[in-house]
Amino acid sequence: MTRFSLLKSVLLRSGSILRKRFGKVGYKQKRRADLLTIADLESQKAILSAIKKNFPQDDFKAEENSEKLTGAEYNWVIDPLDGTTNFAHGYPVSCVSVGVLRGENPRSAGFTILSGTSSTSL
């Protein structure tokens, strides 16, 4: 599996998680105007699990307080639910965002847009 194919796979999987949870989650406040839902955590867990399984040597930095920064050649940057406030209040404008850096240079990036009950990977 290549990093690009893994990127596409985790975006589709996370989009599925968000669709399943949409309209059915409570939330807690991390900070003022900064919410956290179970969908954030499930999405991030799915993404990190796939990265650790397929590219255990890679670093990552994910929004929900999870990072591995060893100076590896590749680094994944993850927002498992971009637009948590919208999501938590039932407004269907949010997405999963994932990028892959090689050193300091972007190699791949993508997002899955949640719009009601459908998602699109780009």
PDB file of N, CA and C in Angstrom:
ATOM      1  N   MET A   1       0.845  -1.180   0.000  1.00  0.00           N
ATOM      2  CA  MET A   1       0.000   0.000   0.000  1.00  0.00           C
ATOM      3  C   MET A   1       0.892   1.245   0.000  1.00  0.00           C
ATOM      4  N   THR A   2       0.541   2.206  -0.801  1.00  0.00           N
ATOM      5  CA  THR A   2       1.271   3.477  -0.831  1.00  0.00           C
ATOM      6  C   THR A   2       0.637   4.446   0.170  1.00  0.00           C
ATOM      7  N   ARG A   3       1.351   5.499   0.491  1.00  0.00           N
ATOM      8  CA  ARG A   3       0.792   6.505   1.390  1.00  0.00           C
ATOM      9  C   ARG A   3      -0.427   7.178   0.759  1.00  0.00           C
ATOM     10  N   PHE A   4      -0.396   7.374  -0.552  1.00  0.00           N
ATOM     11  CA  PHE A   4      -1.531   7.994  -1.220  1.00  0.00           C
ATOM     12  C   PHE A   4      -2.765   7.092  -1.137  1.00  0.00           C
ATOM     13  N   SER A   5      -2.592   5.793  -1.360  1.00  0.00           N
ATOM     14  CA  SER A   5      -3.749   4.896  -1.271  1.00  0.00           C
ATOM     15  C   SER A   5      -4.254   4.796   0.166  1.00  0.00           C
ATOM     16  N   LEU A   6      -3.337   4.846   1.140  1.00  0.00           N
ATOM     17  CA  LEU A   6      -3.765   4.843   2.536  1.00  0.00           C
ATOM     18  C   LEU A   6      -4.522   6.130   2.858  1.00  0.00           C
ATOM     19  N   LEU A   7      -4.042   7.237   2.350  1.00  0.00           N
ATOM     20  CA  LEU A   7      -4.731   8.518   2.548  1.00  0.00           C
ATOM     21  C   LEU A   7      -6.172   8.424   2.060  1.00  0.00           C
ATOM     22  N   LYS A   8      -6.376   7.922   0.853  1.00  0.00           N
ATOM     23  CA  LYS A   8      -7.730   7.784   0.320  1.00  0.00           C
ATOM     24  C   LYS A   8      -8.577   6.857   1.189  1.00  0.00           C
ATOM     25  N   SER A   9      -7.975   5.761   1.626  1.00  0.00           N
ATOM     26  CA  SER A   9      -8.692   4.795   2.444  1.00  0.00           C
ATOM     27  C   SER A   9      -9.132   5.385   3.787  1.00  0.00           C
ATOM     28  N   VAL A  10      -8.232   6.093   4.471  1.00  0.00           N
ATOM     29  CA  VAL A  10      -8.605   6.651   5.778  1.00  0.00           C
ATOM     30  C   VAL A  10      -9.630   7.770   5.637  1.00  0.00           C
ATOM     31  N   LEU A  11      -9.576   8.507   4.551  1.00  0.00           N
ATOM     32  CA  LEU A  11     -10.594   9.550   4.338  1.00  0.00           C
ATOM     33  C   LEU A  11     -11.976   8.934   4.155  1.00  0.00           C
ATOM     34  N   LEU A  12     -12.049   7.868   3.377  1.00  0.00           N
ATOM     35  CA  LEU A  12     -13.339   7.200   3.172  1.00  0.00           C
ATOM     36  C   LEU A  12     -13.853   6.583   4.474  1.00  0.00           C
ATOM     37  N   ARG A  13     -12.972   5.940   5.222  1.00  0.00           N
ATOM     38  CA  ARG A  13     -13.361   5.313   6.489  1.00  0.00           C
ATOM     39  C   ARG A  13     -13.834   6.372   7.490  1.00  0.00           C
ATOM     40  N   SER A  14     -13.090   7.446   7.617  1.00  0.00           N
ATOM     41  CA  SER A  14     -13.476   8.498   8.553  1.00  0.00           C
ATOM     42  C   SER A  14     -14.772   9.182   8.127  1.00  0.00           C
ATOM     43  N   GLY A  15     -14.947   9.369   6.839  1.00  0.00           N
ATOM     44  CA  GLY A  15     -16.204   9.935   6.343  1.00  0.00           C
ATOM     45  C   GLY A  15     -17.386   9.053   6.715  1.00  0.00           C
ATOM     46  N   SER A  16     -17.190   7.748   6.649  1.00  0.00           N
ATOM     47  CA  SER A  16     -18.239   6.806   7.038  1.00  0.00           C
ATOM     48  C   SER A  16     -18.561   6.927   8.524  1.00  0.00           C
ATOM     49  N   ILE A  17     -17.524   7.072   9.338  1.00  0.00           N
ATOM     50  CA  ILE A  17     -17.728   7.248  10.781  1.00  0.00           C
ATOM     51  C   ILE A  17     -18.536   8.516  11.054  1.00  0.00           C
ATOM     52  N   LEU A  18     -18.182   9.604  10.389  1.00  0.00           N
ATOM     53  CA  LEU A  18     -18.899  10.868  10.608  1.00  0.00           C
ATOM     54  C   LEU A  18     -20.348  10.780  10.150  1.00  0.00           C
ATOM     55  N   ARG A  19     -20.592  10.129   9.004  1.00  0.00           N
ATOM     56  CA  ARG A  19     -21.973   9.976   8.531  1.00  0.00           C
ATOM     57  C   ARG A  19     -22.801   9.187   9.540  1.00  0.00           C
ATOM     58  N   LYS A  20     -22.206   8.125  10.096  1.00  0.00           N
ATOM     59  CA  LYS A  20     -22.901   7.287  11.066  1.00  0.00           C
ATOM     60  C   LYS A  20     -23.251   8.077  12.336  1.00  0.00           C
ATOM     61  N   ARG A  21     -22.376   8.965  12.748  1.00  0.00           N
ATOM     62  CA  ARG A  21     -22.551   9.715  13.998  1.00  0.00           C
ATOM     63  C   ARG A  21     -23.309  11.026  13.822  1.00  0.00           C
ATOM     64  N   PHE A  22     -23.486  11.492  12.584  1.00  0.00           N
ATOM     65  CA  PHE A  22     -24.080  12.810  12.368  1.00  0.00           C
ATOM     66  C   PHE A  22     -25.481  12.885  12.969  1.00  0.00           C
ATOM     67  N   GLY A  23     -25.724  13.935  13.746  1.00  0.00           N
ATOM     68  CA  GLY A  23     -27.026  14.154  14.352  1.00  0.00           C
ATOM     69  C   GLY A  23     -27.275  13.303  15.588  1.00  0.00           C
ATOM     70  N   LYS A  24     -26.264  12.540  16.011  1.00  0.00           N
ATOM     71  CA  LYS A  24     -26.445  11.610  17.135  1.00  0.00           C
ATOM     72  C   LYS A  24     -25.365  11.765  18.197  1.00  0.00           C
ATOM     73  N   VAL A  25     -24.738  12.924  18.296  1.00  0.00           N
ATOM     74  CA  VAL A  25     -23.643  13.074  19.250  1.00  0.00           C
ATOM     75  C   VAL A  25     -23.886  14.237  20.206  1.00  0.00           C
ATOM     76  N   GLY A  26     -23.387  14.054  21.400  1.00  0.00           N
ATOM     77  CA  GLY A  26     -23.274  15.151  22.349  1.00  0.00           C
ATOM     78  C   GLY A  26     -21.857  15.681  22.221  1.00  0.00           C
ATOM     79  N   TYR A  27     -21.526  16.639  23.037  1.00  0.00           N
ATOM     80  CA  TYR A  27     -20.176  17.189  22.968  1.00  0.00           C
ATOM     81  C   TYR A  27     -19.753  17.706  24.322  1.00  0.00           C
ATOM     82  N   LYS A  28     -18.457  17.905  24.472  1.00  0.00           N
ATOM     83  CA  LYS A  28     -17.935  18.592  25.649  1.00  0.00           C
ATOM     84  C   LYS A  28     -17.034  19.713  25.163  1.00  0.00           C
ATOM     85  N   GLN A  29     -16.858  20.708  25.993  1.00  0.00           N
ATOM     86  CA  GLN A  29     -16.005  21.836  25.634  1.00  0.00           C
ATOM     87  C   GLN A  29     -14.578  21.571  26.071  1.00  0.00           C
ATOM     88  N   LYS A  30     -13.644  21.656  25.105  1.00  0.00           N
ATOM     89  CA  LYS A  30     -12.223  21.569  25.439  1.00  0.00           C
ATOM     90  C   LYS A  30     -11.777  22.919  25.999  1.00  0.00           C
ATOM     91  N   ARG A  31     -12.160  23.966  25.303  1.00  0.00           N
ATOM     92  CA  ARG A  31     -11.895  25.356  25.678  1.00  0.00           C
ATOM     93  C   ARG A  31     -13.089  26.162  25.173  1.00  0.00           C
ATOM     94  N   ARG A  32     -13.106  27.421  25.487  1.00  0.00           N
ATOM     95  CA  ARG A  32     -14.193  28.277  25.001  1.00  0.00           C
ATOM     96  C   ARG A  32     -14.275  28.177  23.474  1.00  0.00           C
ATOM     97  N   ALA A  33     -15.441  27.866  22.969  1.00  0.00           N
ATOM     98  CA  ALA A  33     -15.698  27.756  21.529  1.00  0.00           C
ATOM     99  C   ALA A  33     -14.858  26.662  20.861  1.00  0.00           C
ATOM    100  N   ASP A  34     -14.475  25.646  21.614  1.00  0.00           N
ATOM    101  CA  ASP A  34     -13.700  24.530  21.068  1.00  0.00           C
ATOM    102  C   ASP A  34     -14.308  23.242  21.609  1.00  0.00           C
ATOM    103  N   LEU A  35     -15.053  22.536  20.746  1.00  0.00           N
ATOM    104  CA  LEU A  35     -15.815  21.368  21.175  1.00  0.00           C
ATOM    105  C   LEU A  35     -15.115  20.067  20.806  1.00  0.00           C
ATOM    106  N   LEU A  36     -15.526  18.997  21.483  1.00  0.00           N
ATOM    107  CA  LEU A  36     -15.031  17.657  21.215  1.00  0.00           C
ATOM    108  C   LEU A  36     -16.210  16.697  21.245  1.00  0.00           C
ATOM    109  N   THR A  37     -16.302  15.820  20.222  1.00  0.00           N
ATOM    110  CA  THR A  37     -17.359  14.812  20.170  1.00  0.00           C
ATOM    111  C   THR A  37     -16.738  13.425  20.064  1.00  0.00           C
ATOM    112  N   ILE A  38     -17.560  12.420  20.293  1.00  0.00           N
ATOM    113  CA  ILE A  38     -17.118  11.041  20.109  1.00  0.00           C
ATOM    114  C   ILE A  38     -16.725  10.801  18.645  1.00  0.00           C
ATOM    115  N   ALA A  39     -17.348  11.521  17.731  1.00  0.00           N
ATOM    116  CA  ALA A  39     -17.010  11.373  16.308  1.00  0.00           C
ATOM    117  C   ALA A  39     -15.579  11.823  16.038  1.00  0.00           C
ATOM    118  N   ASP A  40     -15.131  12.912  16.693  1.00  0.00           N
ATOM    119  CA  ASP A  40     -13.730  13.347  16.571  1.00  0.00           C
ATOM    120  C   ASP A  40     -12.804  12.203  16.966  1.00  0.00           C
ATOM    121  N   LEU A  41     -13.090  11.617  18.126  1.00  0.00           N
ATOM    122  CA  LEU A  41     -12.216  10.580  18.677  1.00  0.00           C
ATOM    123  C   LEU A  41     -12.226   9.305  17.850  1.00  0.00           C
ATOM    124  N   GLU A  42     -13.415   8.876  17.393  1.00  0.00           N
ATOM    125  CA  GLU A  42     -13.500   7.664  16.566  1.00  0.00           C
ATOM    126  C   GLU A  42     -12.809   7.859  15.225  1.00  0.00           C
ATOM    127  N   SER A  43     -13.007   9.007  14.620  1.00  0.00           N
ATOM    128  CA  SER A  43     -12.372   9.307  13.335  1.00  0.00           C
ATOM    129  C   SER A  43     -10.852   9.294  13.487  1.00  0.00           C
ATOM    130  N   GLN A  44     -10.348   9.976  14.505  1.00  0.00           N
ATOM    131  CA  GLN A  44      -8.904  10.026  14.723  1.00  0.00           C
ATOM    132  C   GLN A  44      -8.341   8.644  15.015  1.00  0.00           C
ATOM    133  N   LYS A  45      -9.028   7.868  15.823  1.00  0.00           N
ATOM    134  CA  LYS A  45      -8.564   6.519  16.150  1.00  0.00           C
ATOM    135  C   LYS A  45      -8.441   5.659  14.894  1.00  0.00           C
ATOM    136  N   ALA A  46      -9.414   5.750  14.011  1.00  0.00           N
ATOM    137  CA  ALA A  46      -9.377   4.968  12.764  1.00  0.00           C
ATOM    138  C   ALA A  46      -8.200   5.383  11.887  1.00  0.00           C
ATOM    139  N   ILE A  47      -7.969   6.684  11.780  1.00  0.00           N
ATOM    140  CA  ILE A  47      -6.864   7.181  10.954  1.00  0.00           C
ATOM    141  C   ILE A  47      -5.522   6.760  11.534  1.00  0.00           C
ATOM    142  N   LEU A  48      -5.326   6.984  12.825  1.00  0.00           N
ATOM    143  CA  LEU A  48      -4.040   6.655  13.444  1.00  0.00           C
ATOM    144  C   LEU A  48      -3.780   5.155  13.447  1.00  0.00           C
ATOM    145  N   SER A  49      -4.803   4.371  13.643  1.00  0.00           N
ATOM    146  CA  SER A  49      -4.642   2.917  13.610  1.00  0.00           C
ATOM    147  C   SER A  49      -4.132   2.461  12.250  1.00  0.00           C
ATOM    148  N   ALA A  50      -4.690   3.008  11.192  1.00  0.00           N
ATOM    149  CA  ALA A  50      -4.271   2.637   9.832  1.00  0.00           C
ATOM    150  C   ALA A  50      -2.832   3.078   9.547  1.00  0.00           C
ATOM    151  N   ILE A  51      -2.479   4.275   9.983  1.00  0.00           N
ATOM    152  CA  ILE A  51      -1.113   4.767   9.771  1.00  0.00           C
ATOM    153  C   ILE A  51      -0.120   3.895  10.542  1.00  0.00           C
ATOM    154  N   LYS A  52      -0.414   3.629  11.807  1.00  0.00           N
ATOM    155  CA  LYS A  52       0.490   2.819  12.635  1.00  0.00           C
ATOM    156  C   LYS A  52       0.659   1.412  12.080  1.00  0.00           C
ATOM    157  N   LYS A  53      -0.399   0.861  11.516  1.00  0.00           N
ATOM    158  CA  LYS A  53      -0.341  -0.492  10.944  1.00  0.00           C
ATOM    159  C   LYS A  53       0.467  -0.517   9.652  1.00  0.00           C
ATOM    160  N   ASN A  54       0.242   0.451   8.776  1.00  0.00           N
ATOM    161  CA  ASN A  54       0.846   0.426   7.441  1.00  0.00           C
ATOM    162  C   ASN A  54       2.188   1.137   7.349  1.00  0.00           C
ATOM    163  N   PHE A  55       2.383   2.174   8.150  1.00  0.00           N
ATOM    164  CA  PHE A  55       3.628   2.952   8.120  1.00  0.00           C
ATOM    165  C   PHE A  55       4.068   3.280   9.549  1.00  0.00           C
ATOM    166  N   PRO A  56       4.424   2.255  10.322  1.00  0.00           N
ATOM    167  CA  PRO A  56       4.741   2.476  11.735  1.00  0.00           C
ATOM    168  C   PRO A  56       5.932   3.406  11.969  1.00  0.00           C
ATOM    169  N   GLN A  57       6.764   3.566  10.974  1.00  0.00           N
ATOM    170  CA  GLN A  57       7.932   4.439  11.110  1.00  0.00           C
ATOM    171  C   GLN A  57       7.574   5.913  10.939  1.00  0.00           C
ATOM    172  N   ASP A  58       6.406   6.227  10.398  1.00  0.00           N
ATOM    173  CA  ASP A  58       6.016   7.608  10.128  1.00  0.00           C
ATOM    174  C   ASP A  58       5.603   8.335  11.401  1.00  0.00           C
ATOM    175  N   ASP A  59       5.820   9.641  11.405  1.00  0.00           N
ATOM    176  CA  ASP A  59       5.360  10.512  12.481  1.00  0.00           C
ATOM    177  C   ASP A  59       3.947  10.990  12.171  1.00  0.00           C
ATOM    178  N   PHE A  60       3.284  11.555  13.178  1.00  0.00           N
ATOM    179  CA  PHE A  60       1.963  12.138  12.969  1.00  0.00           C
ATOM    180  C   PHE A  60       1.704  13.197  14.022  1.00  0.00           C
ATOM    181  N   LYS A  61       0.828  14.107  13.664  1.00  0.00           N
ATOM    182  CA  LYS A  61       0.324  15.121  14.595  1.00  0.00           C
ATOM    183  C   LYS A  61      -1.166  15.241  14.320  1.00  0.00           C
ATOM    184  N   ALA A  62      -1.957  14.868  15.339  1.00  0.00           N
ATOM    185  CA  ALA A  62      -3.405  14.872  15.187  1.00  0.00           C
ATOM    186  C   ALA A  62      -4.015  15.865  16.178  1.00  0.00           C
ATOM    187  N   GLU A  63      -5.143  16.424  15.813  1.00  0.00           N
ATOM    188  CA  GLU A  63      -5.735  17.517  16.590  1.00  0.00           C
ATOM    189  C   GLU A  63      -6.084  17.137  18.022  1.00  0.00           C
ATOM    190  N   GLU A  64      -6.544  15.936  18.234  1.00  0.00           N
ATOM    191  CA  GLU A  64      -7.034  15.567  19.564  1.00  0.00           C
ATOM    192  C   GLU A  64      -5.919  15.023  20.456  1.00  0.00           C
ATOM    193  N   ASN A  65      -4.887  15.828  20.627  1.00  0.00           N
ATOM    194  CA  ASN A  65      -3.795  15.552  21.570  1.00  0.00           C
ATOM    195  C   ASN A  65      -3.080  14.233  21.332  1.00  0.00           C
ATOM    196  N   SER A  66      -2.766  13.941  20.104  1.00  0.00           N
ATOM    197  CA  SER A  66      -2.010  12.740  19.811  1.00  0.00           C
ATOM    198  C   SER A  66      -0.922  13.092  18.810  1.00  0.00           C
ATOM    199  N   GLU A  67       0.310  12.782  19.182  1.00  0.00           N
ATOM    200  CA  GLU A  67       1.395  13.045  18.248  1.00  0.00           C
ATOM    201  C   GLU A  67       2.550  12.091  18.487  1.00  0.00           C
ATOM    202  N   LYS A  68       3.260  11.856  17.424  1.00  0.00           N
ATOM    203  CA  LYS A  68       4.515  11.111  17.448  1.00  0.00           C
ATOM    204  C   LYS A  68       5.448  11.925  16.566  1.00  0.00           C
ATOM    205  N   LEU A  69       6.442  12.536  17.164  1.00  0.00           N
ATOM    206  CA  LEU A  69       7.356  13.403  16.425  1.00  0.00           C
ATOM    207  C   LEU A  69       8.794  12.973  16.723  1.00  0.00           C
ATOM    208  N   THR A  70       9.309  12.085  15.869  1.00  0.00           N
ATOM    209  CA  THR A  70      10.659  11.548  16.071  1.00  0.00           C
ATOM    210  C   THR A  70      11.654  12.061  15.041  1.00  0.00           C
ATOM    211  N   GLY A  71      11.160  12.860  14.086  1.00  0.00           N
ATOM    212  CA  GLY A  71      12.023  13.313  12.999  1.00  0.00           C
ATOM    213  C   GLY A  71      11.999  12.362  11.813  1.00  0.00           C
ATOM    214  N   ALA A  72      10.957  11.536  11.719  1.00  0.00           N
ATOM    215  CA  ALA A  72      10.819  10.590  10.612  1.00  0.00           C
ATOM    216  C   ALA A  72      10.738  11.328   9.281  1.00  0.00           C
ATOM    217  N   GLU A  73      11.016  10.599   8.213  1.00  0.00           N
ATOM    218  CA  GLU A  73      10.976  11.183   6.865  1.00  0.00           C
ATOM    219  C   GLU A  73       9.575  11.681   6.505  1.00  0.00           C
ATOM    220  N   TYR A  74       8.535  10.936   6.925  1.00  0.00           N
ATOM    221  CA  TYR A  74       7.152  11.301   6.606  1.00  0.00           C
ATOM    222  C   TYR A  74       6.406  11.681   7.879  1.00  0.00           C
ATOM    223  N   ASN A  75       5.533  12.683   7.753  1.00  0.00           N
ATOM    224  CA  ASN A  75       4.733  13.167   8.869  1.00  0.00           C
ATOM    225  C   ASN A  75       3.301  13.383   8.384  1.00  0.00           C
ATOM    226  N   TRP A  76       2.357  12.777   9.077  1.00  0.00           N
ATOM    227  CA  TRP A  76       0.937  12.921   8.777  1.00  0.00           C
ATOM    228  C   TRP A  76       0.350  14.012   9.675  1.00  0.00           C
ATOM    229  N   VAL A  77      -0.447  14.906   9.095  1.00  0.00           N
ATOM    230  CA  VAL A  77      -1.105  15.977   9.835  1.00  0.00           C
ATOM    231  C   VAL A  77      -2.612  15.747   9.694  1.00  0.00           C
ATOM    232  N   ILE A  78      -3.289  15.628  10.838  1.00  0.00           N
ATOM    233  CA  ILE A  78      -4.661  15.107  10.834  1.00  0.00           C
ATOM    234  C   ILE A  78      -5.610  16.009  11.612  1.00  0.00           C
ATOM    235  N   ASP A  79      -6.710  16.378  10.978  1.00  0.00           N
ATOM    236  CA  ASP A  79      -7.845  16.967  11.679  1.00  0.00           C
ATOM    237  C   ASP A  79      -9.005  16.007  11.452  1.00  0.00           C
ATOM    238  N   PRO A  80      -9.329  15.189  12.447  1.00  0.00           N
ATOM    239  CA  PRO A  80     -10.302  14.113  12.252  1.00  0.00           C
ATOM    240  C   PRO A  80     -11.738  14.581  12.068  1.00  0.00           C
ATOM    241  N   LEU A  81     -12.018  15.802  12.479  1.00  0.00           N
ATOM    242  CA  LEU A  81     -13.343  16.398  12.261  1.00  0.00           C
ATOM    243  C   LEU A  81     -13.175  17.907  12.261  1.00  0.00           C
ATOM    244  N   ASP A  82     -12.943  18.446  11.096  1.00  0.00           N
ATOM    245  CA  ASP A  82     -12.783  19.888  10.935  1.00  0.00           C
ATOM    246  C   ASP A  82     -14.182  20.481  10.816  1.00  0.00           C
ATOM    247  N   GLY A  83     -14.552  21.288  11.785  1.00  0.00           N
ATOM    248  CA  GLY A  83     -15.918  21.819  11.827  1.00  0.00           C
ATOM    249  C   GLY A  83     -16.737  21.128  12.902  1.00  0.00           C
ATOM    250  N   THR A  84     -16.088  20.814  14.018  1.00  0.00           N
ATOM    251  CA  THR A  84     -16.773  20.100  15.100  1.00  0.00           C
ATOM    252  C   THR A  84     -17.990  20.867  15.615  1.00  0.00           C
ATOM    253  N   THR A  85     -17.886  22.180  15.719  1.00  0.00           N
ATOM    254  CA  THR A  85     -19.022  22.960  16.213  1.00  0.00           C
ATOM    255  C   THR A  85     -20.229  22.794  15.298  1.00  0.00           C
ATOM    256  N   ASN A  86     -20.010  22.887  13.997  1.00  0.00           N
ATOM    257  CA  ASN A  86     -21.111  22.655  13.049  1.00  0.00           C
ATOM    258  C   ASN A  86     -21.677  21.249  13.228  1.00  0.00           C
ATOM    259  N   PHE A  87     -20.794  20.269  13.260  1.00  0.00           N
ATOM    260  CA  PHE A  87     -21.190  18.865  13.385  1.00  0.00           C
ATOM    261  C   PHE A  87     -22.007  18.647  14.662  1.00  0.00           C
ATOM    262  N   ALA A  88     -21.507  19.143  15.774  1.00  0.00           N
ATOM    263  CA  ALA A  88     -22.161  18.935  17.069  1.00  0.00           C
ATOM    264  C   ALA A  88     -23.550  19.564  17.136  1.00  0.00           C
ATOM    265  N   HIS A  89     -23.765  20.613  16.359  1.00  0.00           N
ATOM    266  CA  HIS A  89     -25.061  21.287  16.357  1.00  0.00           C
ATOM    267  C   HIS A  89     -25.943  20.864  15.183  1.00  0.00           C
ATOM    268  N   GLY A  90     -25.552  19.806  14.474  1.00  0.00           N
ATOM    269  CA  GLY A  90     -26.386  19.276  13.400  1.00  0.00           C
ATOM    270  C   GLY A  90     -26.344  20.064  12.113  1.00  0.00           C
ATOM    271  N   TYR A  91     -25.357  20.916  11.955  1.00  0.00           N
ATOM    272  CA  TYR A  91     -25.204  21.685  10.717  1.00  0.00           C
ATOM    273  C   TYR A  91     -24.201  20.948   9.836  1.00  0.00           C
ATOM    274  N   PRO A  92     -24.622  20.444   8.672  1.00  0.00           N
ATOM    275  CA  PRO A  92     -23.797  19.515   7.895  1.00  0.00           C
ATOM    276  C   PRO A  92     -22.698  20.173   7.050  1.00  0.00           C
ATOM    277  N   VAL A  93     -21.853  20.960   7.702  1.00  0.00           N
ATOM    278  CA  VAL A  93     -20.721  21.562   7.006  1.00  0.00           C
ATOM    279  C   VAL A  93     -19.475  21.271   7.839  1.00  0.00           C
ATOM    280  N   SER A  94     -18.827  20.167   7.518  1.00  0.00           N
ATOM    281  CA  SER A  94     -17.612  19.760   8.209  1.00  0.00           C
ATOM    282  C   SER A  94     -16.875  18.773   7.324  1.00  0.00           C
ATOM    283  N   CYS A  95     -15.648  18.420   7.723  1.00  0.00           N
ATOM    284  CA  CYS A  95     -14.874  17.491   6.905  1.00  0.00           C
ATOM    285  C   CYS A  95     -13.776  16.837   7.731  1.00  0.00           C
ATOM    286  N   VAL A  96     -13.159  15.827   7.166  1.00  0.00           N
ATOM    287  CA  VAL A  96     -11.942  15.216   7.681  1.00  0.00           C
ATOM    288  C   VAL A  96     -10.819  15.747   6.798  1.00  0.00           C
ATOM    289  N   SER A  97      -9.734  16.214   7.401  1.00  0.00           N
ATOM    290  CA  SER A  97      -8.594  16.732   6.637  1.00  0.00           C
ATOM    291  C   SER A  97      -7.337  15.964   7.038  1.00  0.00           C
ATOM    292  N   VAL A  98      -6.606  15.475   6.034  1.00  0.00           N
ATOM    293  CA  VAL A  98      -5.372  14.735   6.291  1.00  0.00           C
ATOM    294  C   VAL A  98      -4.331  15.156   5.259  1.00  0.00           C
ATOM    295  N   GLY A  99      -3.129  15.427   5.731  1.00  0.00           N
ATOM    296  CA  GLY A  99      -2.019  15.754   4.842  1.00  0.00           C
ATOM    297  C   GLY A  99      -0.810  14.899   5.177  1.00  0.00           C
ATOM    298  N   VAL A 100       0.037  14.683   4.183  1.00  0.00           N
ATOM    299  CA  VAL A 100       1.276  13.925   4.378  1.00  0.00           C
ATOM    300  C   VAL A 100       2.437  14.792   3.911  1.00  0.00           C
ATOM    301  N   LEU A 101       3.396  14.978   4.801  1.00  0.00           N
ATOM    302  CA  LEU A 101       4.605  15.739   4.476  1.00  0.00           C
ATOM    303  C   LEU A 101       5.788  14.793   4.361  1.00  0.00           C
ATOM    304  N   ARG A 102       6.670  15.099   3.433  1.00  0.00           N
ATOM    305  CA  ARG A 102       7.969  14.433   3.374  1.00  0.00           C
ATOM    306  C   ARG A 102       8.984  15.505   3.720  1.00  0.00           C
ATOM    307  N   GLY A 103       9.561  15.387   4.894  1.00  0.00           N
ATOM    308  CA  GLY A 103      10.359  16.494   5.411  1.00  0.00           C
ATOM    309  C   GLY A 103       9.417  17.657   5.663  1.00  0.00           C
ATOM    310  N   GLU A 104       9.700  18.778   5.058  1.00  0.00           N
ATOM    311  CA  GLU A 104       8.815  19.941   5.190  1.00  0.00           C
ATOM    312  C   GLU A 104       7.967  20.165   3.946  1.00  0.00           C
ATOM    313  N   ASN A 105       8.023  19.227   3.006  1.00  0.00           N
ATOM    314  CA  ASN A 105       7.329  19.392   1.723  1.00  0.00           C
ATOM    315  C   ASN A 105       6.049  18.569   1.664  1.00  0.00           C
ATOM    316  N   PRO A 106       4.934  19.195   1.293  1.00  0.00           N
ATOM    317  CA  PRO A 106       3.685  18.451   1.135  1.00  0.00           C
ATOM    318  C   PRO A 106       3.817  17.393   0.044  1.00  0.00           C
ATOM    319  N   ARG A 107       3.353  16.183   0.320  1.00  0.00           N
ATOM    320  CA  ARG A 107       3.375  15.096  -0.665  1.00  0.00           C
ATOM    321  C   ARG A 107       1.973  14.753  -1.143  1.00  0.00           C
ATOM    322  N   SER A 108       1.033  14.680  -0.208  1.00  0.00           N
ATOM    323  CA  SER A 108      -0.358  14.346  -0.522  1.00  0.00           C
ATOM    324  C   SER A 108      -1.248  15.016   0.512  1.00  0.00           C
ATOM    325  N   ALA A 109      -2.452  15.307   0.108  1.00  0.00           N
ATOM    326  CA  ALA A 109      -3.435  15.847   1.050  1.00  0.00           C
ATOM    327  C   ALA A 109      -4.814  15.544   0.507  1.00  0.00           C
ATOM    328  N   GLY A 110      -5.758  15.494   1.397  1.00  0.00           N
ATOM    329  CA  GLY A 110      -7.119  15.254   0.960  1.00  0.00           C
ATOM    330  C   GLY A 110      -8.096  15.570   2.063  1.00  0.00           C
ATOM    331  N   PHE A 111      -9.349  15.574   1.705  1.00  0.00           N
ATOM    332  CA  PHE A 111     -10.395  15.796   2.688  1.00  0.00           C
ATOM    333  C   PHE A 111     -11.652  15.093   2.234  1.00  0.00           C
ATOM    334  N   THR A 112     -12.468  14.737   3.192  1.00  0.00           N
ATOM    335  CA  THR A 112     -13.783  14.171   2.946  1.00  0.00           C
ATOM    336  C   THR A 112     -14.778  15.169   3.486  1.00  0.00           C
ATOM    337  N   ILE A 113     -15.646  15.639   2.628  1.00  0.00           N
ATOM    338  CA  ILE A 113     -16.646  16.636   3.023  1.00  0.00           C
ATOM    339  C   ILE A 113     -17.908  15.925   3.466  1.00  0.00           C
ATOM    340  N   LEU A 114     -18.393  16.273   4.634  1.00  0.00           N
ATOM    341  CA  LEU A 114     -19.668  15.754   5.104  1.00  0.00           C
ATOM    342  C   LEU A 114     -20.727  16.782   4.739  1.00  0.00           C
ATOM    343  N   SER A 115     -21.678  16.366   3.962  1.00  0.00           N
ATOM    344  CA  SER A 115     -22.766  17.256   3.574  1.00  0.00           C
ATOM    345  C   SER A 115     -24.066  16.472   3.735  1.00  0.00           C
ATOM    346  N   GLY A 116     -24.704  16.656   4.859  1.00  0.00           N
ATOM    347  CA  GLY A 116     -25.894  15.869   5.137  1.00  0.00           C
ATOM    348  C   GLY A 116     -25.490  14.421   5.342  1.00  0.00           C
ATOM    349  N   THR A 117     -25.909  13.552   4.465  1.00  0.00           N
ATOM    350  CA  THR A 117     -25.594  12.129   4.625  1.00  0.00           C
ATOM    351  C   THR A 117     -24.666  11.623   3.542  1.00  0.00           C
ATOM    352  N   SER A 118     -24.026  12.513   2.788  1.00  0.00           N
ATOM    353  CA  SER A 118     -23.102  12.047   1.761  1.00  0.00           C
ATOM    354  C   SER A 118     -21.726  12.634   2.016  1.00  0.00           C
ATOM    355  N   SER A 119     -20.710  11.988   1.452  1.00  0.00           N
ATOM    356  CA  SER A 119     -19.361  12.528   1.581  1.00  0.00           C
ATOM    357  C   SER A 119     -18.644  12.355   0.251  1.00  0.00           C
ATOM    358  N   THR A 120     -17.675  13.195   0.020  1.00  0.00           N
ATOM    359  CA  THR A 120     -16.884  13.151  -1.201  1.00  0.00           C
ATOM    360  C   THR A 120     -15.423  13.234  -0.850  1.00  0.00           C
ATOM    361  N   SER A 121     -14.622  12.340  -1.384  1.00  0.00           N
ATOM    362  CA  SER A 121     -13.173  12.403  -1.166  1.00  0.00           C
ATOM    363  C   SER A 121     -12.539  13.081  -2.356  1.00  0.00           C
ATOM    364  N   LEU A 122     -11.614  13.983  -2.072  1.00  0.00           N
ATOM    365  CA  LEU A 122     -10.903  14.709  -3.130  1.00  0.00           C
ATOM    366  C   LEU A 122      -9.416  14.571  -2.942  1.00  0.00           C
TER     367      LEU A 122
END
